[in-house]
Full PDB file with SEQRES, HELIX, SHEET, SSBOND, CRYST1, ORIGX, SCALE, CONECT and MASTER records, all heavy atoms in Angstrom:
SEQRES   1 A   29  ALA CYS GLY ARG ARG ARG VAL ARG LEU GLU PRO PHE ASP          
SEQRES   2 A   29  CYS VAL VAL ILE HIS PRO GLY ALA THR HIS ARG LEU GLY          
SEQRES   3 A   29  ALA ALA ARG                                                  
CRYST1    1.000    1.000    1.000  90.00  90.00  90.00 P 1           1          
ORIGX1      1.000000  0.000000  0.000000        0.00000                         
ORIGX2      0.000000  1.000000  0.000000        0.00000                         
ORIGX3      0.000000  0.000000  1.000000        0.00000                         
SCALE1      1.000000  0.000000  0.000000        0.00000                         
SCALE2      0.000000  1.000000  0.000000        0.00000                         
SCALE3      0.000000  0.000000  1.000000        0.00000                         
ATOM      1  N   ALA A   1      -2.306   1.821  -0.175  1.00  0.00           N  
ATOM      2  CA  ALA A   1      -2.970   2.483  -1.291  1.00  0.00           C  
ATOM      3  C   ALA A   1      -1.973   3.297  -2.031  1.00  0.00           C  
ATOM      4  O   ALA A   1      -1.143   4.034  -1.438  1.00  0.00           O  
ATOM      5  CB  ALA A   1      -4.113   3.352  -0.786  1.00  0.00           C  
ATOM      6  N   CYS A   2      -2.044   3.214  -3.380  1.00  0.00           N  
ATOM      7  CA  CYS A   2      -1.152   3.956  -4.218  1.00  0.00           C  
ATOM      8  C   CYS A   2      -2.031   4.433  -5.399  1.00  0.00           C  
ATOM      9  O   CYS A   2      -2.530   3.613  -6.164  1.00  0.00           O  
ATOM     10  CB  CYS A   2      -0.001   3.064  -4.715  1.00  0.00           C  
ATOM     11  SG  CYS A   2       1.239   3.942  -5.652  1.00  0.00           S  
ATOM     12  N   GLY A   3      -2.193   5.754  -5.499  1.00  0.00           N  
ATOM     13  CA  GLY A   3      -3.113   6.277  -6.509  1.00  0.00           C  
ATOM     14  C   GLY A   3      -4.495   5.766  -6.198  1.00  0.00           C  
ATOM     15  O   GLY A   3      -4.967   5.863  -5.080  1.00  0.00           O  
ATOM     16  N   ARG A   4      -5.153   5.166  -7.197  1.00  0.00           N  
ATOM     17  CA  ARG A   4      -6.509   4.633  -7.006  1.00  0.00           C  
ATOM     18  C   ARG A   4      -6.508   3.165  -6.587  1.00  0.00           C  
ATOM     19  O   ARG A   4      -7.591   2.615  -6.330  1.00  0.00           O  
ATOM     20  CB  ARG A   4      -7.295   4.804  -8.271  1.00  0.00           C  
ATOM     21  CG  ARG A   4      -7.534   6.256  -8.678  1.00  0.00           C  
ATOM     22  CD  ARG A   4      -8.334   6.311  -9.924  1.00  0.00           C  
ATOM     23  NE  ARG A   4      -8.484   7.728 -10.310  1.00  0.00           N  
ATOM     24  CZ  ARG A   4      -9.136   8.094 -11.351  1.00  0.00           C  
ATOM     25  NH1 ARG A   4      -9.718   7.227 -12.108  1.00  0.00           N  
ATOM     26  NH2 ARG A   4      -9.229   9.369 -11.657  1.00  0.00           N  
ATOM     27  N   ARG A   5      -5.369   2.539  -6.552  1.00  0.00           N  
ATOM     28  CA  ARG A   5      -5.280   1.129  -6.213  1.00  0.00           C  
ATOM     29  C   ARG A   5      -5.052   0.929  -4.730  1.00  0.00           C  
ATOM     30  O   ARG A   5      -4.230   1.608  -4.107  1.00  0.00           O  
ATOM     31  CB  ARG A   5      -4.142   0.488  -6.996  1.00  0.00           C  
ATOM     32  CG  ARG A   5      -4.081  -0.990  -6.804  1.00  0.00           C  
ATOM     33  CD  ARG A   5      -3.158  -1.629  -7.777  1.00  0.00           C  
ATOM     34  NE  ARG A   5      -3.171  -3.072  -7.575  1.00  0.00           N  
ATOM     35  CZ  ARG A   5      -2.124  -3.866  -7.723  1.00  0.00           C  
ATOM     36  NH1 ARG A   5      -0.996  -3.355  -8.161  1.00  0.00           N  
ATOM     37  NH2 ARG A   5      -2.220  -5.134  -7.504  1.00  0.00           N  
ATOM     38  N   ARG A   6      -5.785  -0.028  -4.139  1.00  0.00           N  
ATOM     39  CA  ARG A   6      -5.643  -0.322  -2.723  1.00  0.00           C  
ATOM     40  C   ARG A   6      -5.567  -1.861  -2.577  1.00  0.00           C  
ATOM     41  O   ARG A   6      -6.406  -2.558  -3.174  1.00  0.00           O  
ATOM     42  CB  ARG A   6      -6.827   0.198  -1.918  1.00  0.00           C  
ATOM     43  CG  ARG A   6      -6.749  -0.024  -0.442  1.00  0.00           C  
ATOM     44  CD  ARG A   6      -7.820   0.752   0.249  1.00  0.00           C  
ATOM     45  NE  ARG A   6      -8.039   0.256   1.585  1.00  0.00           N  
ATOM     46  CZ  ARG A   6      -8.475   0.956   2.582  1.00  0.00           C  
ATOM     47  NH1 ARG A   6      -8.763   2.242   2.423  1.00  0.00           N  
ATOM     48  NH2 ARG A   6      -8.671   0.423   3.775  1.00  0.00           N  
ATOM     49  N   VAL A   7      -4.542  -2.326  -1.854  1.00  0.00           N  
ATOM     50  CA  VAL A   7      -4.393  -3.797  -1.645  1.00  0.00           C  
ATOM     51  C   VAL A   7      -4.377  -4.116  -0.171  1.00  0.00           C  
ATOM     52  O   VAL A   7      -3.915  -3.290   0.657  1.00  0.00           O  
ATOM     53  CB  VAL A   7      -3.114  -4.315  -2.357  1.00  0.00           C  
ATOM     54  CG1 VAL A   7      -3.182  -4.115  -3.880  1.00  0.00           C  
ATOM     55  CG2 VAL A   7      -1.893  -3.615  -1.814  1.00  0.00           C  
ATOM     56  N   ARG A   8      -4.826  -5.292   0.150  1.00  0.00           N  
ATOM     57  CA  ARG A   8      -4.787  -5.781   1.555  1.00  0.00           C  
ATOM     58  C   ARG A   8      -3.363  -6.255   1.839  1.00  0.00           C  
ATOM     59  O   ARG A   8      -2.667  -6.772   0.967  1.00  0.00           O  
ATOM     60  CB  ARG A   8      -5.763  -6.909   1.720  1.00  0.00           C  
ATOM     61  CG  ARG A   8      -7.214  -6.442   1.666  1.00  0.00           C  
ATOM     62  CD  ARG A   8      -8.181  -7.563   1.828  1.00  0.00           C  
ATOM     63  NE  ARG A   8      -7.781  -8.523   2.839  1.00  0.00           N  
ATOM     64  CZ  ARG A   8      -8.393  -9.636   3.107  1.00  0.00           C  
ATOM     65  NH1 ARG A   8      -9.472  -9.978   2.409  1.00  0.00           N  
ATOM     66  NH2 ARG A   8      -7.972 -10.477   4.022  1.00  0.00           N  
ATOM     67  N   LEU A   9      -2.954  -6.133   3.117  1.00  0.00           N  
ATOM     68  CA  LEU A   9      -1.666  -6.618   3.561  1.00  0.00           C  
ATOM     69  C   LEU A   9      -1.868  -7.568   4.731  1.00  0.00           C  
ATOM     70  O   LEU A   9      -2.620  -7.283   5.674  1.00  0.00           O  
ATOM     71  CB  LEU A   9      -0.796  -5.432   4.037  1.00  0.00           C  
ATOM     72  CG  LEU A   9      -0.348  -4.452   2.998  1.00  0.00           C  
ATOM     73  CD1 LEU A   9       0.451  -3.312   3.647  1.00  0.00           C  
ATOM     74  CD2 LEU A   9       0.487  -5.107   1.917  1.00  0.00           C  
ATOM     75  N   GLU A  10      -1.184  -8.671   4.647  1.00  0.00           N  
ATOM     76  CA  GLU A  10      -1.110  -9.658   5.704  1.00  0.00           C  
ATOM     77  C   GLU A  10       0.348  -9.986   5.928  1.00  0.00           C  
ATOM     78  O   GLU A  10       1.211  -9.605   5.109  1.00  0.00           O  
ATOM     79  CB  GLU A  10      -1.888 -10.914   5.304  1.00  0.00           C  
ATOM     80  CG  GLU A  10      -3.383 -10.609   5.132  1.00  0.00           C  
ATOM     81  CD  GLU A  10      -4.191 -11.807   4.654  1.00  0.00           C  
ATOM     82  OE1 GLU A  10      -3.546 -12.872   4.381  1.00  0.00           O  
ATOM     83  OE2 GLU A  10      -5.413 -11.732   4.579  1.00  0.00           O  
ATOM     84  N   PRO A  11       0.685 -10.727   7.011  1.00  0.00           N  
ATOM     85  CA  PRO A  11       2.099 -10.994   7.290  1.00  0.00           C  
ATOM     86  C   PRO A  11       2.849 -11.559   6.076  1.00  0.00           C  
ATOM     87  O   PRO A  11       2.373 -12.438   5.388  1.00  0.00           O  
ATOM     88  CB  PRO A  11       2.054 -11.999   8.440  1.00  0.00           C  
ATOM     89  CG  PRO A  11       0.824 -11.562   9.180  1.00  0.00           C  
ATOM     90  CD  PRO A  11      -0.179 -11.209   8.070  1.00  0.00           C  
ATOM     91  N   PHE A  12       3.993 -10.954   5.806  1.00  0.00           N  
ATOM     92  CA  PHE A  12       4.931 -11.311   4.758  1.00  0.00           C  
ATOM     93  C   PHE A  12       4.501 -10.898   3.377  1.00  0.00           C  
ATOM     94  O   PHE A  12       5.156 -11.281   2.397  1.00  0.00           O  
ATOM     95  CB  PHE A  12       5.386 -12.767   4.883  1.00  0.00           C  
ATOM     96  CG  PHE A  12       6.003 -13.034   6.251  1.00  0.00           C  
ATOM     97  CD1 PHE A  12       5.267 -13.678   7.197  1.00  0.00           C  
ATOM     98  CD2 PHE A  12       7.267 -12.548   6.516  1.00  0.00           C  
ATOM     99  CE1 PHE A  12       5.829 -13.874   8.457  1.00  0.00           C  
ATOM    100  CE2 PHE A  12       7.822 -12.719   7.769  1.00  0.00           C  
ATOM    101  CZ  PHE A  12       7.102 -13.385   8.774  1.00  0.00           C  
ATOM    102  N   ASP A  13       3.452 -10.099   3.279  1.00  0.00           N  
ATOM    103  CA  ASP A  13       3.136  -9.460   2.001  1.00  0.00           C  
ATOM    104  C   ASP A  13       4.116  -8.311   1.814  1.00  0.00           C  
ATOM    105  O   ASP A  13       4.518  -7.625   2.809  1.00  0.00           O  
ATOM    106  CB  ASP A  13       1.694  -8.875   1.990  1.00  0.00           C  
ATOM    107  CG  ASP A  13       0.664  -9.973   1.859  1.00  0.00           C  
ATOM    108  OD1 ASP A  13       0.998 -11.133   1.559  1.00  0.00           O  
ATOM    109  OD2 ASP A  13      -0.535  -9.633   2.081  1.00  0.00           O  
ATOM    110  N   CYS A  14       4.488  -8.033   0.596  1.00  0.00           N  
ATOM    111  CA  CYS A  14       5.479  -7.009   0.303  1.00  0.00           C  
ATOM    112  C   CYS A  14       4.878  -6.015  -0.729  1.00  0.00           C  
ATOM    113  O   CYS A  14       4.225  -6.500  -1.694  1.00  0.00           O  
ATOM    114  CB  CYS A  14       6.734  -7.659  -0.252  1.00  0.00           C  
ATOM    115  SG  CYS A  14       8.071  -6.519  -0.707  1.00  0.00           S  
ATOM    116  N   VAL A  15       5.099  -4.763  -0.526  1.00  0.00           N  
ATOM    117  CA  VAL A  15       4.590  -3.744  -1.482  1.00  0.00           C  
ATOM    118  C   VAL A  15       5.747  -2.807  -1.833  1.00  0.00           C  
ATOM    119  O   VAL A  15       6.516  -2.405  -0.979  1.00  0.00           O  
ATOM    120  CB  VAL A  15       3.476  -2.910  -0.809  1.00  0.00           C  
ATOM    121  CG1 VAL A  15       3.048  -1.750  -1.702  1.00  0.00           C  
ATOM    122  CG2 VAL A  15       2.277  -3.764  -0.454  1.00  0.00           C  
ATOM    123  N   VAL A  16       5.868  -2.510  -3.105  1.00  0.00           N  
ATOM    124  CA  VAL A  16       6.871  -1.588  -3.600  1.00  0.00           C  
ATOM    125  C   VAL A  16       6.150  -0.324  -4.093  1.00  0.00           C  
ATOM    126  O   VAL A  16       5.214  -0.378  -4.894  1.00  0.00           O  
ATOM    127  CB  VAL A  16       7.660  -2.181  -4.794  1.00  0.00           C  
ATOM    128  CG1 VAL A  16       8.674  -1.170  -5.355  1.00  0.00           C  
ATOM    129  CG2 VAL A  16       8.377  -3.485  -4.321  1.00  0.00           C  
ATOM    130  N   ILE A  17       6.604   0.845  -3.600  1.00  0.00           N  
ATOM    131  CA  ILE A  17       6.083   2.136  -4.023  1.00  0.00           C  
ATOM    132  C   ILE A  17       7.137   2.867  -4.772  1.00  0.00           C  
ATOM    133  O   ILE A  17       8.213   3.125  -4.272  1.00  0.00           O  
ATOM    134  CB  ILE A  17       5.607   2.976  -2.777  1.00  0.00           C  
ATOM    135  CG1 ILE A  17       4.700   2.204  -1.858  1.00  0.00           C  
ATOM    136  CG2 ILE A  17       5.031   4.305  -3.236  1.00  0.00           C  
ATOM    137  CD1 ILE A  17       3.362   1.862  -2.445  1.00  0.00           C  
ATOM    138  N   HIS A  18       6.854   3.187  -6.032  1.00  0.00           N  
ATOM    139  CA  HIS A  18       7.832   3.840  -6.890  1.00  0.00           C  
ATOM    140  C   HIS A  18       7.863   5.365  -6.667  1.00  0.00           C  
ATOM    141  O   HIS A  18       6.894   5.955  -6.208  1.00  0.00           O  
ATOM    142  CB  HIS A  18       7.517   3.506  -8.347  1.00  0.00           C  
ATOM    143  CG  HIS A  18       7.672   2.040  -8.652  1.00  0.00           C  
ATOM    144  ND1 HIS A  18       8.907   1.411  -8.712  1.00  0.00           N  
ATOM    145  CD2 HIS A  18       6.752   1.084  -8.824  1.00  0.00           C  
ATOM    146  CE1 HIS A  18       8.719   0.133  -8.945  1.00  0.00           C  
ATOM    147  NE2 HIS A  18       7.430  -0.096  -8.997  1.00  0.00           N  
ATOM    148  N   PRO A  19       9.015   5.989  -7.001  1.00  0.00           N  
ATOM    149  CA  PRO A  19       9.123   7.429  -6.801  1.00  0.00           C  
ATOM    150  C   PRO A  19       7.992   8.212  -7.524  1.00  0.00           C  
ATOM    151  O   PRO A  19       7.554   7.817  -8.626  1.00  0.00           O  
ATOM    152  CB  PRO A  19      10.480   7.787  -7.464  1.00  0.00           C  
ATOM    153  CG  PRO A  19      11.209   6.493  -7.493  1.00  0.00           C  
ATOM    154  CD  PRO A  19      10.175   5.409  -7.621  1.00  0.00           C  
ATOM    155  N   GLY A  20       7.507   9.226  -6.860  1.00  0.00           N  
ATOM    156  CA  GLY A  20       6.488  10.067  -7.430  1.00  0.00           C  
ATOM    157  C   GLY A  20       5.082   9.598  -7.216  1.00  0.00           C  
ATOM    158  O   GLY A  20       4.120  10.258  -7.547  1.00  0.00           O  
ATOM    159  N   ALA A  21       4.915   8.424  -6.634  1.00  0.00           N  
ATOM    160  CA  ALA A  21       3.595   7.830  -6.383  1.00  0.00           C  
ATOM    161  C   ALA A  21       3.053   8.267  -5.033  1.00  0.00           C  
ATOM    162  O   ALA A  21       3.688   8.009  -4.003  1.00  0.00           O  
ATOM    163  CB  ALA A  21       3.609   6.329  -6.494  1.00  0.00           C  
ATOM    164  N   THR A  22       1.889   8.891  -5.020  1.00  0.00           N  
ATOM    165  CA  THR A  22       1.253   9.231  -3.731  1.00  0.00           C  
ATOM    166  C   THR A  22       0.728   7.953  -3.130  1.00  0.00           C  
ATOM    167  O   THR A  22       0.054   7.136  -3.751  1.00  0.00           O  
ATOM    168  CB  THR A  22       0.105  10.238  -4.003  1.00  0.00           C  
ATOM    169  OG1 THR A  22       0.634  11.399  -4.615  1.00  0.00           O  
ATOM    170  CG2 THR A  22      -0.601  10.613  -2.704  1.00  0.00           C  
ATOM    171  N   HIS A  23       1.052   7.762  -1.830  1.00  0.00           N  
ATOM    172  CA  HIS A  23       0.672   6.501  -1.146  1.00  0.00           C  
ATOM    173  C   HIS A  23       0.335   6.746   0.293  1.00  0.00           C  
ATOM    174  O   HIS A  23       0.672   7.725   0.897  1.00  0.00           O  
ATOM    175  CB  HIS A  23       1.831   5.479  -1.290  1.00  0.00           C  
ATOM    176  CG  HIS A  23       3.116   5.931  -0.698  1.00  0.00           C  
ATOM    177  ND1 HIS A  23       3.936   6.852  -1.340  1.00  0.00           N  
ATOM    178  CD2 HIS A  23       3.742   5.654   0.422  1.00  0.00           C  
ATOM    179  CE1 HIS A  23       4.982   7.077  -0.624  1.00  0.00           C  
ATOM    180  NE2 HIS A  23       4.909   6.334   0.482  1.00  0.00           N  
ATOM    181  N   ARG A  24      -0.391   5.721   0.855  1.00  0.00           N  
ATOM    182  CA  ARG A  24      -0.777   5.653   2.247  1.00  0.00           C  
ATOM    183  C   ARG A  24      -0.742   4.223   2.659  1.00  0.00           C  
ATOM    184  O   ARG A  24      -0.935   3.320   1.841  1.00  0.00           O  
ATOM    185  CB  ARG A  24      -2.194   6.166   2.464  1.00  0.00           C  
ATOM    186  CG  ARG A  24      -2.458   7.589   2.124  1.00  0.00           C  
ATOM    187  CD  ARG A  24      -3.910   7.957   2.354  1.00  0.00           C  
ATOM    188  NE  ARG A  24      -4.212   7.810   3.759  1.00  0.00           N  
ATOM    189  CZ  ARG A  24      -5.460   7.705   4.251  1.00  0.00           C  
ATOM    190  NH1 ARG A  24      -6.502   7.719   3.451  1.00  0.00           N  
ATOM    191  NH2 ARG A  24      -5.658   7.589   5.530  1.00  0.00           N  
ATOM    192  N   LEU A  25      -0.543   4.000   3.940  1.00  0.00           N  
ATOM    193  CA  LEU A  25      -0.652   2.651   4.526  1.00  0.00           C  
ATOM    194  C   LEU A  25      -1.489   2.739   5.766  1.00  0.00           C  
ATOM    195  O   LEU A  25      -1.482   3.758   6.459  1.00  0.00           O  
ATOM    196  CB  LEU A  25       0.744   2.090   4.848  1.00  0.00           C  
ATOM    197  CG  LEU A  25       1.574   1.713   3.666  1.00  0.00           C  
ATOM    198  CD1 LEU A  25       2.566   2.812   3.364  1.00  0.00           C  
ATOM    199  CD2 LEU A  25       2.232   0.413   3.800  1.00  0.00           C  
ATOM    200  N   GLY A  26      -2.237   1.644   6.056  1.00  0.00           N  
ATOM    201  CA  GLY A  26      -3.105   1.698   7.236  1.00  0.00           C  
ATOM    202  C   GLY A  26      -3.299   0.321   7.803  1.00  0.00           C  
ATOM    203  O   GLY A  26      -3.112  -0.707   7.160  1.00  0.00           O  
ATOM    204  N   ALA A  27      -3.643   0.313   9.101  1.00  0.00           N  
ATOM    205  CA  ALA A  27      -3.950  -0.926   9.808  1.00  0.00           C  
ATOM    206  C   ALA A  27      -5.432  -1.194   9.725  1.00  0.00           C  
ATOM    207  O   ALA A  27      -6.260  -0.231   9.638  1.00  0.00           O  
ATOM    208  CB  ALA A  27      -3.545  -0.777  11.267  1.00  0.00           C  
ATOM    209  N   ALA A  28      -5.806  -2.444   9.741  1.00  0.00           N  
ATOM    210  CA  ALA A  28      -7.239  -2.794   9.801  1.00  0.00           C  
ATOM    211  C   ALA A  28      -7.833  -2.236  11.088  1.00  0.00           C  
ATOM    212  O   ALA A  28      -7.119  -1.977  12.043  1.00  0.00           O  
ATOM    213  CB  ALA A  28      -7.369  -4.345   9.778  1.00  0.00           C  
ATOM    214  N   ARG A  29      -9.131  -2.098  11.108  1.00  0.00           N  
ATOM    215  CA  ARG A  29      -9.806  -1.513  12.303  1.00  0.00           C  
ATOM    216  C   ARG A  29      -9.593  -2.341  13.547  1.00  0.00           C  
ATOM    217  O   ARG A  29      -9.577  -1.839  14.657  1.00  0.00           O  
ATOM    218  CB  ARG A  29     -11.297  -1.356  12.034  1.00  0.00           C  
ATOM    219  CG  ARG A  29     -11.585  -0.232  11.059  1.00  0.00           C  
ATOM    220  CD  ARG A  29     -13.085   0.023  11.034  1.00  0.00           C  
ATOM    221  NE  ARG A  29     -13.300   1.122  10.134  1.00  0.00           N  
ATOM    222  CZ  ARG A  29     -14.148   1.095   9.125  1.00  0.00           C  
ATOM    223  NH1 ARG A  29     -14.879   0.018   8.893  1.00  0.00           N  
ATOM    224  NH2 ARG A  29     -14.309   2.136   8.339  1.00  0.00           N  
TER     225      ARG A  29                                                      
MASTER        0    0    0    0    0    0    0    6  224    1    0    3          
END                                                                             
């Protein structure tokens, strides 16, 4: 999650977080 946007992650998905962006990452339940 970055700002208001949240995307799903699966193996070999890549996410770039730019400077100054508030972000979180989490595992599925």
